[in-house]
PDB file of N, CA and C in Angstrom:
ATOM      1  N   MET A   1     -21.025-112.837 -24.474  1.00  0.00           N
ATOM      2  CA  MET A   1     -21.849-111.769 -23.948  1.00  0.00           C
ATOM      3  C   MET A   1     -20.973-110.701 -23.294  1.00  0.00           C
ATOM      4  N   ARG A   2     -20.001-111.115 -22.537  1.00  0.00           N
ATOM      5  CA  ARG A   2     -19.112-110.180 -21.852  1.00  0.00           C
ATOM      6  C   ARG A   2     -18.289-109.367 -22.850  1.00  0.00           C
ATOM      7  N   ALA A   3     -17.835-110.022 -23.922  1.00  0.00           N
ATOM      8  CA  ALA A   3     -17.035-109.326 -24.933  1.00  0.00           C
ATOM      9  C   ALA A   3     -17.854-108.229 -25.610  1.00  0.00           C
ATOM     10  N   ARG A   4     -19.118-108.490 -25.842  1.00  0.00           N
ATOM     11  CA  ARG A   4     -19.983-107.486 -26.461  1.00  0.00           C
ATOM     12  C   ARG A   4     -20.130-106.263 -25.559  1.00  0.00           C
ATOM     13  N   GLN A   5     -20.251-106.491 -24.266  1.00  0.00           N
ATOM     14  CA  GLN A   5     -20.370-105.374 -23.320  1.00  0.00           C
ATOM     15  C   GLN A   5     -19.082-104.555 -23.281  1.00  0.00           C
ATOM     16  N   ILE A   6     -17.950-105.238 -23.335  1.00  0.00           N
ATOM     17  CA  ILE A   6     -16.660-104.549 -23.323  1.00  0.00           C
ATOM     18  C   ILE A   6     -16.520-103.694 -24.575  1.00  0.00           C
ATOM     19  N   ARG A   7     -16.870-104.258 -25.749  1.00  0.00           N
ATOM     20  CA  ARG A   7     -16.794-103.488 -26.994  1.00  0.00           C
ATOM     21  C   ARG A   7     -17.719-102.284 -26.941  1.00  0.00           C
ATOM     22  N   ARG A   8     -18.892-102.468 -26.383  1.00  0.00           N
ATOM     23  CA  ARG A   8     -19.848-101.365 -26.280  1.00  0.00           C
ATOM     24  C   ARG A   8     -19.308-100.272 -25.361  1.00  0.00           C
ATOM     25  N   GLN A   9     -18.673-100.662 -24.254  1.00  0.00           N
ATOM     26  CA  GLN A   9     -18.097 -99.682 -23.333  1.00  0.00           C
ATOM     27  C   GLN A   9     -16.943 -98.922 -23.992  1.00  0.00           C
ATOM     28  N   ILE A  10     -16.117 -99.642 -24.740  1.00  0.00           N
ATOM     29  CA  ILE A  10     -14.998 -99.000 -25.424  1.00  0.00           C
ATOM     30  C   ILE A  10     -15.511 -98.031 -26.477  1.00  0.00           C
ATOM     31  N   ARG A  11     -16.514 -98.459 -27.244  1.00  0.00           N
ATOM     32  CA  ARG A  11     -17.097 -97.587 -28.263  1.00  0.00           C
ATOM     33  C   ARG A  11     -17.698 -96.341 -27.628  1.00  0.00           C
ATOM     34  N   ARG A  12     -18.390 -96.528 -26.527  1.00  0.00           N
ATOM     35  CA  ARG A  12     -18.991 -95.385 -25.828  1.00  0.00           C
ATOM     36  C   ARG A  12     -17.908 -94.442 -25.301  1.00  0.00           C
ATOM     37  N   ALA A  13     -16.840 -95.016 -24.738  1.00  0.00           N
ATOM     38  CA  ALA A  13     -15.745 -94.193 -24.230  1.00  0.00           C
ATOM     39  C   ALA A  13     -15.094 -93.398 -25.366  1.00  0.00           C
ATOM     40  N   PHE A  14     -14.968 -94.020 -26.538  1.00  0.00           N
ATOM     41  CA  PHE A  14     -14.395 -93.318 -27.679  1.00  0.00           C
ATOM     42  C   PHE A  14     -15.255 -92.119 -28.072  1.00  0.00           C
ATOM     43  N   PHE A  15     -16.562 -92.325 -28.179  1.00  0.00           N
ATOM     44  CA  PHE A  15     -17.431 -91.232 -28.603  1.00  0.00           C
ATOM     45  C   PHE A  15     -17.523 -90.130 -27.556  1.00  0.00           C
ATOM     46  N   VAL A  16     -17.429 -90.495 -26.296  1.00  0.00           N
ATOM     47  CA  VAL A  16     -17.402 -89.473 -25.241  1.00  0.00           C
ATOM     48  C   VAL A  16     -16.123 -88.651 -25.360  1.00  0.00           C
ATOM     49  N   ALA A  17     -14.993 -89.321 -25.553  1.00  0.00           N
ATOM     50  CA  ALA A  17     -13.712 -88.609 -25.711  1.00  0.00           C
ATOM     51  C   ALA A  17     -13.706 -87.771 -26.990  1.00  0.00           C
ATOM     52  N   LEU A  18     -14.272 -88.305 -28.068  1.00  0.00           N
ATOM     53  CA  LEU A  18     -14.332 -87.562 -29.323  1.00  0.00           C
ATOM     54  C   LEU A  18     -15.176 -86.300 -29.161  1.00  0.00           C
ATOM     55  N   PHE A  19     -16.327 -86.424 -28.536  1.00  0.00           N
ATOM     56  CA  PHE A  19     -17.192 -85.270 -28.312  1.00  0.00           C
ATOM     57  C   PHE A  19     -16.483 -84.231 -27.454  1.00  0.00           C
ATOM     58  N   HIS A  20     -15.772 -84.695 -26.426  1.00  0.00           N
ATOM     59  CA  HIS A  20     -15.038 -83.775 -25.556  1.00  0.00           C
ATOM     60  C   HIS A  20     -13.958 -83.025 -26.345  1.00  0.00           C
ATOM     61  N   GLN A  21     -13.204 -83.747 -27.173  1.00  0.00           N
ATOM     62  CA  GLN A  21     -12.153 -83.114 -27.970  1.00  0.00           C
ATOM     63  C   GLN A  21     -12.741 -82.135 -28.994  1.00  0.00           C
ATOM     64  N   LEU A  22     -13.871 -82.499 -29.593  1.00  0.00           N
ATOM     65  CA  LEU A  22     -14.511 -81.598 -30.552  1.00  0.00           C
ATOM     66  C   LEU A  22     -15.002 -80.320 -29.884  1.00  0.00           C
ATOM     67  N   GLN A  23     -15.451 -80.432 -28.641  1.00  0.00           N
ATOM     68  CA  GLN A  23     -15.858 -79.231 -27.915  1.00  0.00           C
ATOM     69  C   GLN A  23     -14.673 -78.283 -27.719  1.00  0.00           C
ATOM     70  N   ILE A  24     -13.518 -78.845 -27.488  1.00  0.00           N
ATOM     71  CA  ILE A  24     -12.323 -78.032 -27.252  1.00  0.00           C
ATOM     72  C   ILE A  24     -11.908 -77.281 -28.522  1.00  0.00           C
ATOM     73  N   VAL A  25     -11.922 -77.968 -29.657  1.00  0.00           N
ATOM     74  CA  VAL A  25     -11.425 -77.353 -30.893  1.00  0.00           C
ATOM     75  C   VAL A  25     -12.538 -76.781 -31.770  1.00  0.00           C
ATOM     76  N   SER A  26     -13.769 -76.815 -31.300  1.00  0.00           N
ATOM     77  CA  SER A  26     -14.878 -76.347 -32.139  1.00  0.00           C
ATOM     78  C   SER A  26     -14.734 -74.893 -32.582  1.00  0.00           C
ATOM     79  N   PRO A  27     -14.230 -73.963 -31.759  1.00  0.00           N
ATOM     80  CA  PRO A  27     -14.063 -72.598 -32.290  1.00  0.00           C
ATOM     81  C   PRO A  27     -13.099 -72.547 -33.478  1.00  0.00           C
ATOM     82  N   ILE A  28     -12.065 -73.348 -33.435  1.00  0.00           N
ATOM     83  CA  ILE A  28     -11.107 -73.389 -34.540  1.00  0.00           C
ATOM     84  C   ILE A  28     -11.754 -74.012 -35.773  1.00  0.00           C
ATOM     85  N   LEU A  29     -12.467 -75.126 -35.567  1.00  0.00           N
ATOM     86  CA  LEU A  29     -13.149 -75.783 -36.686  1.00  0.00           C
ATOM     87  C   LEU A  29     -14.139 -74.839 -37.366  1.00  0.00           C
ATOM     88  N   TRP A  30     -14.981 -74.197 -36.573  1.00  0.00           N
ATOM     89  CA  TRP A  30     -15.978 -73.289 -37.134  1.00  0.00           C
ATOM     90  C   TRP A  30     -15.315 -72.078 -37.786  1.00  0.00           C
ATOM     91  N   GLY A  31     -14.192 -71.618 -37.234  1.00  0.00           N
ATOM     92  CA  GLY A  31     -13.469 -70.513 -37.845  1.00  0.00           C
ATOM     93  C   GLY A  31     -12.939 -70.881 -39.222  1.00  0.00           C
ATOM     94  N   ILE A  32     -12.376 -72.068 -39.339  1.00  0.00           N
ATOM     95  CA  ILE A  32     -11.861 -72.526 -40.635  1.00  0.00           C
ATOM     96  C   ILE A  32     -13.005 -72.681 -41.631  1.00  0.00           C
ATOM     97  N   ILE A  33     -14.101 -73.284 -41.186  1.00  0.00           N
ATOM     98  CA  ILE A  33     -15.253 -73.462 -42.079  1.00  0.00           C
ATOM     99  C   ILE A  33     -15.805 -72.106 -42.521  1.00  0.00           C
ATOM    100  N   LEU A  34     -15.886 -71.160 -41.594  1.00  0.00           N
ATOM    101  CA  LEU A  34     -16.388 -69.829 -41.928  1.00  0.00           C
ATOM    102  C   LEU A  34     -15.491 -69.139 -42.962  1.00  0.00           C
ATOM    103  N   VAL A  35     -14.187 -69.227 -42.767  1.00  0.00           N
ATOM    104  CA  VAL A  35     -13.245 -68.635 -43.724  1.00  0.00           C
ATOM    105  C   VAL A  35     -13.417 -69.281 -45.099  1.00  0.00           C
ATOM    106  N   MET A  36     -13.555 -70.597 -45.126  1.00  0.00           N
ATOM    107  CA  MET A  36     -13.737 -71.297 -46.394  1.00  0.00           C
ATOM    108  C   MET A  36     -15.011 -70.843 -47.097  1.00  0.00           C
ATOM    109  N   VAL A  37     -16.107 -70.735 -46.349  1.00  0.00           N
ATOM    110  CA  VAL A  37     -17.389 -70.352 -46.939  1.00  0.00           C
ATOM    111  C   VAL A  37     -17.334 -68.917 -47.463  1.00  0.00           C
ATOM    112  N   VAL A  38     -16.764 -68.010 -46.688  1.00  0.00           N
ATOM    113  CA  VAL A  38     -16.677 -66.610 -47.127  1.00  0.00           C
ATOM    114  C   VAL A  38     -15.836 -66.494 -48.400  1.00  0.00           C
ATOM    115  N   ILE A  39     -14.710 -67.167 -48.417  1.00  0.00           N
ATOM    116  CA  ILE A  39     -13.865 -67.128 -49.614  1.00  0.00           C
ATOM    117  C   ILE A  39     -14.585 -67.769 -50.799  1.00  0.00           C
ATOM    118  N   GLY A  40     -15.269 -68.869 -50.544  1.00  0.00           N
ATOM    119  CA  GLY A  40     -16.013 -69.531 -51.619  1.00  0.00           C
ATOM    120  C   GLY A  40     -17.114 -68.661 -52.183  1.00  0.00           C
ATOM    121  N   LEU A  41     -17.833 -67.948 -51.311  1.00  0.00           N
ATOM    122  CA  LEU A  41     -18.870 -67.033 -51.789  1.00  0.00           C
ATOM    123  C   LEU A  41     -18.260 -65.871 -52.574  1.00  0.00           C
ATOM    124  N   LEU A  42     -17.089 -65.428 -52.141  1.00  0.00           N
ATOM    125  CA  LEU A  42     -16.392 -64.370 -52.877  1.00  0.00           C
ATOM    126  C   LEU A  42     -15.990 -64.857 -54.268  1.00  0.00           C
ATOM    127  N   ILE A  43     -15.479 -66.058 -54.347  1.00  0.00           N
ATOM    128  CA  ILE A  43     -15.139 -66.647 -55.649  1.00  0.00           C
ATOM    129  C   ILE A  43     -16.392 -66.764 -56.513  1.00  0.00           C
ATOM    130  N   GLY A  44     -17.481 -67.226 -55.906  1.00  0.00           N
ATOM    131  CA  GLY A  44     -18.734 -67.345 -56.644  1.00  0.00           C
ATOM    132  C   GLY A  44     -19.212 -66.005 -57.185  1.00  0.00           C
ATOM    133  N   HIS A  45     -19.040 -64.968 -56.399  1.00  0.00           N
ATOM    134  CA  HIS A  45     -19.434 -63.621 -56.843  1.00  0.00           C
ATOM    135  C   HIS A  45     -18.554 -63.158 -58.003  1.00  0.00           C
ATOM    136  N   ILE A  46     -17.252 -63.378 -57.875  1.00  0.00           N
ATOM    137  CA  ILE A  46     -16.324 -62.971 -58.941  1.00  0.00           C
ATOM    138  C   ILE A  46     -16.620 -63.726 -60.237  1.00  0.00           C
ATOM    139  N   GLU A  47     -16.911 -65.020 -60.100  1.00  0.00           N
ATOM    140  CA  GLU A  47     -17.124 -65.857 -61.283  1.00  0.00           C
ATOM    141  C   GLU A  47     -18.551 -65.797 -61.823  1.00  0.00           C
ATOM    142  N   GLY A  48     -19.478 -65.194 -61.053  1.00  0.00           N
ATOM    143  CA  GLY A  48     -20.867 -65.117 -61.491  1.00  0.00           C
ATOM    144  C   GLY A  48     -21.642 -66.409 -61.290  1.00  0.00           C
ATOM    145  N   TRP A  49     -21.248 -67.203 -60.297  1.00  0.00           N
ATOM    146  CA  TRP A  49     -21.926 -68.467 -60.012  1.00  0.00           C
ATOM    147  C   TRP A  49     -23.088 -68.237 -59.067  1.00  0.00           C
ATOM    148  N   LYS A  50     -24.003 -69.188 -59.034  1.00  0.00           N
ATOM    149  CA  LYS A  50     -25.073 -69.186 -58.037  1.00  0.00           C
ATOM    150  C   LYS A  50     -24.461 -69.513 -56.680  1.00  0.00           C
ATOM    151  N   VAL A  51     -25.170 -69.127 -55.613  1.00  0.00           N
ATOM    152  CA  VAL A  51     -24.669 -69.397 -54.254  1.00  0.00           C
ATOM    153  C   VAL A  51     -24.499 -70.895 -54.047  1.00  0.00           C
ATOM    154  N   ARG A  52     -25.444 -71.676 -54.534  1.00  0.00           N
ATOM    155  CA  ARG A  52     -25.358 -73.140 -54.400  1.00  0.00           C
ATOM    156  C   ARG A  52     -24.091 -73.675 -55.045  1.00  0.00           C
ATOM    157  N   ASP A  53     -23.784 -73.179 -56.234  1.00  0.00           N
ATOM    158  CA  ASP A  53     -22.564 -73.627 -56.920  1.00  0.00           C
ATOM    159  C   ASP A  53     -21.312 -73.166 -56.195  1.00  0.00           C
ATOM    160  N   ALA A  54     -21.351 -71.963 -55.639  1.00  0.00           N
ATOM    161  CA  ALA A  54     -20.185 -71.455 -54.906  1.00  0.00           C
ATOM    162  C   ALA A  54     -19.924 -72.297 -53.652  1.00  0.00           C
ATOM    163  N   LEU A  55     -20.990 -72.646 -52.933  1.00  0.00           N
ATOM    164  CA  LEU A  55     -20.813 -73.484 -51.731  1.00  0.00           C
ATOM    165  C   LEU A  55     -20.346 -74.890 -52.109  1.00  0.00           C
ATOM    166  N   TYR A  56     -20.913 -75.422 -53.177  1.00  0.00           N
ATOM    167  CA  TYR A  56     -20.475 -76.733 -53.666  1.00  0.00           C
ATOM    168  C   TYR A  56     -18.983 -76.689 -54.009  1.00  0.00           C
ATOM    169  N   PHE A  57     -18.578 -75.668 -54.751  1.00  0.00           N
ATOM    170  CA  PHE A  57     -17.174 -75.511 -55.115  1.00  0.00           C
ATOM    171  C   PHE A  57     -16.297 -75.424 -53.871  1.00  0.00           C
ATOM    172  N   THR A  58     -16.760 -74.672 -52.871  1.00  0.00           N
ATOM    173  CA  THR A  58     -15.976 -74.481 -51.656  1.00  0.00           C
ATOM    174  C   THR A  58     -15.671 -75.802 -50.973  1.00  0.00           C
ATOM    175  N   PHE A  59     -16.696 -76.603 -50.740  1.00  0.00           N
ATOM    176  CA  PHE A  59     -16.469 -77.829 -49.983  1.00  0.00           C
ATOM    177  C   PHE A  59     -15.821 -78.928 -50.818  1.00  0.00           C
ATOM    178  N   VAL A  60     -16.109 -78.974 -52.103  1.00  0.00           N
ATOM    179  CA  VAL A  60     -15.427 -79.958 -52.951  1.00  0.00           C
ATOM    180  C   VAL A  60     -13.947 -79.608 -53.064  1.00  0.00           C
ATOM    181  N   THR A  61     -13.653 -78.337 -53.208  1.00  0.00           N
ATOM    182  CA  THR A  61     -12.255 -77.912 -53.300  1.00  0.00           C
ATOM    183  C   THR A  61     -11.543 -78.090 -51.963  1.00  0.00           C
ATOM    184  N   GLY A  62     -12.217 -77.743 -50.875  1.00  0.00           N
ATOM    185  CA  GLY A  62     -11.592 -77.826 -49.559  1.00  0.00           C
ATOM    186  C   GLY A  62     -11.383 -79.236 -49.066  1.00  0.00           C
ATOM    187  N   LEU A  63     -12.274 -80.135 -49.413  1.00  0.00           N
ATOM    188  CA  LEU A  63     -12.189 -81.484 -48.847  1.00  0.00           C
ATOM    189  C   LEU A  63     -11.621 -82.518 -49.807  1.00  0.00           C
ATOM    190  N   THR A  64     -11.641 -82.242 -51.109  1.00  0.00           N
ATOM    191  CA  THR A  64     -11.116 -83.228 -52.054  1.00  0.00           C
ATOM    192  C   THR A  64     -10.160 -82.621 -53.065  1.00  0.00           C
ATOM    193  N   ILE A  65      -9.894 -81.330 -52.969  1.00  0.00           N
ATOM    194  CA  ILE A  65      -9.095 -80.570 -53.934  1.00  0.00           C
ATOM    195  C   ILE A  65      -9.747 -80.615 -55.323  1.00  0.00           C
ATOM    196  N   GLY A  66     -11.064 -80.703 -55.339  1.00  0.00           N
ATOM    197  CA  GLY A  66     -11.856 -80.455 -56.532  1.00  0.00           C
ATOM    198  C   GLY A  66     -12.064 -81.632 -57.454  1.00  0.00           C
ATOM    199  N   TYR A  67     -13.167 -81.531 -58.191  1.00  0.00           N
ATOM    200  CA  TYR A  67     -13.503 -82.513 -59.222  1.00  0.00           C
ATOM    201  C   TYR A  67     -13.206 -81.971 -60.613  1.00  0.00           C
ATOM    202  N   GLY A  68     -13.152 -80.642 -60.741  1.00  0.00           N
ATOM    203  CA  GLY A  68     -12.893 -80.038 -62.024  1.00  0.00           C
ATOM    204  C   GLY A  68     -14.142 -79.632 -62.780  1.00  0.00           C
ATOM    205  N   ASP A  69     -15.316 -79.882 -62.199  1.00  0.00           N
ATOM    206  CA  ASP A  69     -16.540 -79.504 -62.888  1.00  0.00           C
ATOM    207  C   ASP A  69     -16.801 -78.001 -62.806  1.00  0.00           C
ATOM    208  N   LEU A  70     -16.336 -77.352 -61.744  1.00  0.00           N
ATOM    209  CA  LEU A  70     -16.371 -75.893 -61.635  1.00  0.00           C
ATOM    210  C   LEU A  70     -14.930 -75.426 -61.465  1.00  0.00           C
ATOM    211  N   THR A  71     -14.496 -74.572 -62.356  1.00  0.00           N
ATOM    212  CA  THR A  71     -13.129 -74.063 -62.260  1.00  0.00           C
ATOM    213  C   THR A  71     -13.144 -72.545 -62.354  1.00  0.00           C
ATOM    214  N   PRO A  72     -12.451 -71.879 -61.445  1.00  0.00           N
ATOM    215  CA  PRO A  72     -12.394 -70.418 -61.526  1.00  0.00           C
ATOM    216  C   PRO A  72     -11.539 -69.969 -62.705  1.00  0.00           C
ATOM    217  N   GLY A  73     -11.975 -68.894 -63.345  1.00  0.00           N
ATOM    218  CA  GLY A  73     -11.250 -68.401 -64.513  1.00  0.00           C
ATOM    219  C   GLY A  73     -10.376 -67.202 -64.220  1.00  0.00           C
ATOM    220  N   HIS A  74     -10.736 -66.429 -63.226  1.00  0.00           N
ATOM    221  CA  HIS A  74      -9.971 -65.224 -62.893  1.00  0.00           C
ATOM    222  C   HIS A  74      -8.771 -65.583 -62.019  1.00  0.00           C
ATOM    223  N   VAL A  75      -7.719 -64.806 -62.148  1.00  0.00           N
ATOM    224  CA  VAL A  75      -6.493 -65.057 -61.379  1.00  0.00           C
ATOM    225  C   VAL A  75      -6.767 -64.940 -59.876  1.00  0.00           C
ATOM    226  N   VAL A  76      -7.524 -63.934 -59.485  1.00  0.00           N
ATOM    227  CA  VAL A  76      -7.843 -63.738 -58.057  1.00  0.00           C
ATOM    228  C   VAL A  76      -8.620 -64.933 -57.524  1.00  0.00           C
ATOM    229  N   SER A  77      -9.575 -65.421 -58.305  1.00  0.00           N
ATOM    230  CA  SER A  77     -10.371 -66.577 -57.884  1.00  0.00           C
ATOM    231  C   SER A  77      -9.498 -67.817 -57.725  1.00  0.00           C
ATOM    232  N   ARG A  78      -8.562 -67.979 -58.621  1.00  0.00           N
ATOM    233  CA  ARG A  78      -7.663 -69.141 -58.530  1.00  0.00           C
ATOM    234  C   ARG A  78      -6.786 -69.070 -57.276  1.00  0.00           C
ATOM    235  N   CYS A  79      -6.297 -67.888 -56.973  1.00  0.00           N
ATOM    236  CA  CYS A  79      -5.492 -67.726 -55.751  1.00  0.00           C
ATOM    237  C   CYS A  79      -6.333 -68.005 -54.504  1.00  0.00           C
ATOM    238  N   LEU A  80      -7.559 -67.523 -54.508  1.00  0.00           N
ATOM    239  CA  LEU A  80      -8.444 -67.790 -53.373  1.00  0.00           C
ATOM    240  C   LEU A  80      -8.795 -69.275 -53.277  1.00  0.00           C
ATOM    241  N   ALA A  81      -8.902 -69.948 -54.410  1.00  0.00           N
ATOM    242  CA  ALA A  81      -9.171 -71.389 -54.406  1.00  0.00           C
ATOM    243  C   ALA A  81      -8.018 -72.156 -53.749  1.00  0.00           C
ATOM    244  N   VAL A  82      -6.802 -71.666 -53.950  1.00  0.00           N
ATOM    245  CA  VAL A  82      -5.643 -72.286 -53.286  1.00  0.00           C
ATOM    246  C   VAL A  82      -5.770 -72.131 -51.769  1.00  0.00           C
ATOM    247  N   VAL A  83      -6.228 -70.971 -51.324  1.00  0.00           N
ATOM    248  CA  VAL A  83      -6.441 -70.748 -49.885  1.00  0.00           C
ATOM    249  C   VAL A  83      -7.498 -71.719 -49.359  1.00  0.00           C
ATOM    250  N   ILE A  84      -8.563 -71.930 -50.127  1.00  0.00           N
ATOM    251  CA  ILE A  84      -9.589 -72.899 -49.721  1.00  0.00           C
ATOM    252  C   ILE A  84      -8.980 -74.294 -49.628  1.00  0.00           C
ATOM    253  N   GLY A  85      -8.147 -74.653 -50.592  1.00  0.00           N
ATOM    254  CA  GLY A  85      -7.505 -75.975 -50.570  1.00  0.00           C
ATOM    255  C   GLY A  85      -6.641 -76.171 -49.340  1.00  0.00           C
ATOM    256  N   PHE A  86      -5.830 -75.183 -49.010  1.00  0.00           N
ATOM    257  CA  PHE A  86      -4.994 -75.284 -47.810  1.00  0.00           C
ATOM    258  C   PHE A  86      -5.836 -75.303 -46.537  1.00  0.00           C
ATOM    259  N   SER A  87      -6.906 -74.529 -46.522  1.00  0.00           N
ATOM    260  CA  SER A  87      -7.805 -74.539 -45.362  1.00  0.00           C
ATOM    261  C   SER A  87      -8.437 -75.920 -45.188  1.00  0.00           C
ATOM    262  N   GLY A  88      -8.785 -76.542 -46.303  1.00  0.00           N
ATOM    263  CA  GLY A  88      -9.343 -77.892 -46.240  1.00  0.00           C
ATOM    264  C   GLY A  88      -8.347 -78.909 -45.693  1.00  0.00           C
ATOM    265  N   ILE A  89      -7.077 -78.734 -46.054  1.00  0.00           N
ATOM    266  CA  ILE A  89      -6.036 -79.622 -45.528  1.00  0.00           C
ATOM    267  C   ILE A  89      -5.913 -79.444 -44.019  1.00  0.00           C
ATOM    268  N   VAL A  90      -5.927 -78.198 -43.564  1.00  0.00           N
ATOM    269  CA  VAL A  90      -5.861 -77.917 -42.122  1.00  0.00           C
ATOM    270  C   VAL A  90      -7.075 -78.503 -41.410  1.00  0.00           C
ATOM    271  N   LEU A  91      -8.255 -78.319 -41.997  1.00  0.00           N
ATOM    272  CA  LEU A  91      -9.487 -78.842 -41.405  1.00  0.00           C
ATOM    273  C   LEU A  91      -9.442 -80.364 -41.290  1.00  0.00           C
ATOM    274  N   THR A  92      -9.026 -81.019 -42.350  1.00  0.00           N
ATOM    275  CA  THR A  92      -8.930 -82.484 -42.332  1.00  0.00           C
ATOM    276  C   THR A  92      -7.898 -82.957 -41.316  1.00  0.00           C
ATOM    277  N   GLY A  93      -6.764 -82.291 -41.246  1.00  0.00           N
ATOM    278  CA  GLY A  93      -5.740 -82.655 -40.269  1.00  0.00           C
ATOM    279  C   GLY A  93      -6.207 -82.466 -38.845  1.00  0.00           C
ATOM    280  N   LEU A  94      -6.958 -81.402 -38.609  1.00  0.00           N
ATOM    281  CA  LEU A  94      -7.478 -81.142 -37.265  1.00  0.00           C
ATOM    282  C   LEU A  94      -8.479 -82.211 -36.847  1.00  0.00           C
ATOM    283  N   VAL A  95      -9.363 -82.597 -37.752  1.00  0.00           N
ATOM    284  CA  VAL A  95     -10.339 -83.652 -37.445  1.00  0.00           C
ATOM    285  C   VAL A  95      -9.622 -84.978 -37.205  1.00  0.00           C
ATOM    286  N   ALA A  96      -8.602 -85.270 -37.998  1.00  0.00           N
ATOM    287  CA  ALA A  96      -7.832 -86.502 -37.797  1.00  0.00           C
ATOM    288  C   ALA A  96      -7.112 -86.478 -36.452  1.00  0.00           C
ATOM    289  N   ALA A  97      -6.533 -85.335 -36.093  1.00  0.00           N
ATOM    290  CA  ALA A  97      -5.826 -85.224 -34.809  1.00  0.00           C
ATOM    291  C   ALA A  97      -6.779 -85.403 -33.633  1.00  0.00           C
ATOM    292  N   VAL A  98      -7.968 -84.839 -33.744  1.00  0.00           N
ATOM    293  CA  VAL A  98      -8.970 -84.986 -32.678  1.00  0.00           C
ATOM    294  C   VAL A  98      -9.379 -86.446 -32.551  1.00  0.00           C
ATOM    295  N   SER A  99      -9.552 -87.121 -33.677  1.00  0.00           N
ATOM    296  CA  SER A  99      -9.932 -88.540 -33.641  1.00  0.00           C
ATOM    297  C   SER A  99      -8.832 -89.393 -33.020  1.00  0.00           C
ATOM    298  N   VAL A 100      -7.592 -89.105 -33.372  1.00  0.00           N
ATOM    299  CA  VAL A 100      -6.471 -89.854 -32.796  1.00  0.00           C
ATOM    300  C   VAL A 100      -6.394 -89.612 -31.293  1.00  0.00           C
ATOM    301  N   ARG A 101      -6.583 -88.379 -30.896  1.00  0.00           N
ATOM    302  CA  ARG A 101      -6.555 -88.058 -29.455  1.00  0.00           C
ATOM    303  C   ARG A 101      -7.667 -88.797 -28.715  1.00  0.00           C
ATOM    304  N   ALA A 102      -8.837 -88.893 -29.318  1.00  0.00           N
ATOM    305  CA  ALA A 102      -9.941 -89.638 -28.692  1.00  0.00           C
ATOM    306  C   ALA A 102      -9.607 -91.123 -28.606  1.00  0.00           C
ATOM    307  N   LEU A 103      -8.953 -91.661 -29.635  1.00  0.00           N
ATOM    308  CA  LEU A 103      -8.532 -93.065 -29.585  1.00  0.00           C
ATOM    309  C   LEU A 103      -7.498 -93.298 -28.483  1.00  0.00           C
ATOM    310  N   GLU A 104      -6.560 -92.363 -28.354  1.00  0.00           N
ATOM    311  CA  GLU A 104      -5.556 -92.483 -27.295  1.00  0.00           C
ATOM    312  C   GLU A 104      -6.212 -92.450 -25.912  1.00  0.00           C
ATOM    313  N   ALA A 105      -7.163 -91.547 -25.727  1.00  0.00           N
ATOM    314  CA  ALA A 105      -7.851 -91.456 -24.439  1.00  0.00           C
ATOM    315  C   ALA A 105      -8.628 -92.729 -24.156  1.00  0.00           C
ATOM    316  N   THR A 106      -9.251 -93.291 -25.177  1.00  0.00           N
ATOM    317  CA  THR A 106     -10.004 -94.530 -25.017  1.00  0.00           C
ATOM    318  C   THR A 106      -9.072 -95.687 -24.660  1.00  0.00           C
ATOM    319  N   ALA A 107      -7.940 -95.770 -25.360  1.00  0.00           N
ATOM    320  CA  ALA A 107      -6.978 -96.835 -25.079  1.00  0.00           C
ATOM    321  C   ALA A 107      -6.421 -96.694 -23.669  1.00  0.00           C
ATOM    322  N   HIS A 108      -6.148 -95.463 -23.252  1.00  0.00           N
ATOM    323  CA  HIS A 108      -5.621 -95.221 -21.912  1.00  0.00           C
ATOM    324  C   HIS A 108      -6.645 -95.621 -20.848  1.00  0.00           C
ATOM    325  N   ASP A 109      -7.905 -95.239 -21.064  1.00  0.00           N
ATOM    326  CA  ASP A 109      -8.958 -95.587 -20.112  1.00  0.00           C
ATOM    327  C   ASP A 109      -9.187 -97.083 -20.035  1.00  0.00           C
ATOM    328  N   SER A 110      -9.187 -97.753 -21.191  1.00  0.00           N
ATOM    329  CA  SER A 110      -9.448 -99.196 -21.179  1.00  0.00           C
ATOM    330  C   SER A 110      -8.270 -99.968 -20.575  1.00  0.00           C
ATOM    331  N   SER A 111      -7.036 -99.467 -20.746  1.00  0.00           N
ATOM    332  CA  SER A 111      -5.893-100.144 -20.134  1.00  0.00           C
ATOM    333  C   SER A 111      -5.881 -99.948 -18.623  1.00  0.00           C
ATOM    334  N   ASN A 112      -6.344 -98.782 -18.155  1.00  0.00           N
ATOM    335  CA  ASN A 112      -6.424 -98.552 -16.706  1.00  0.00           C
ATOM    336  C   ASN A 112      -7.496 -99.413 -16.070  1.00  0.00           C
ATOM    337  N   LYS A 113      -8.597 -99.663 -16.760  1.00  0.00           N
ATOM    338  CA  LYS A 113      -9.683-100.469 -16.211  1.00  0.00           C
ATOM    339  C   LYS A 113      -9.326-101.953 -16.175  1.00  0.00           C
ATOM    340  N   SER A 114      -8.490-102.385 -17.142  1.00  0.00           N
ATOM    341  CA  SER A 114      -8.162-103.804 -17.192  1.00  0.00           C
ATOM    342  C   SER A 114      -7.071-104.184 -16.175  1.00  0.00           C
ATOM    343  N   SER A 115      -6.284-103.206 -15.735  1.00  0.00           N
ATOM    344  CA  SER A 115      -5.194-103.555 -14.800  1.00  0.00           C
ATOM    345  C   SER A 115      -5.590-103.366 -13.366  1.00  0.00           C
TER     346      SER A 115
END
């Protein structure tokens, strides 16, 4: 019973730290997402895609470097797709860094409480 309470406290501390870290970097996160969406809509306009397809392309390209089901044909669109890919790498790295920081804060808090 005691172990379950400890795990619950640690989990809660992690999510509190994660939420706090996300609040700090949220302007950067939203800025990256906004840049990705604008570029994706621009690519969609150049390629003649529907908005839904352009947004799908944006997030699939940004978060997984694409499936290949939608591919830009124009040189400008391809260059912009590379920018989306790099933005996705930055976004993923930022989320990973925030998660690691929350884990560190949780570990630090739990070690201080146990000693």
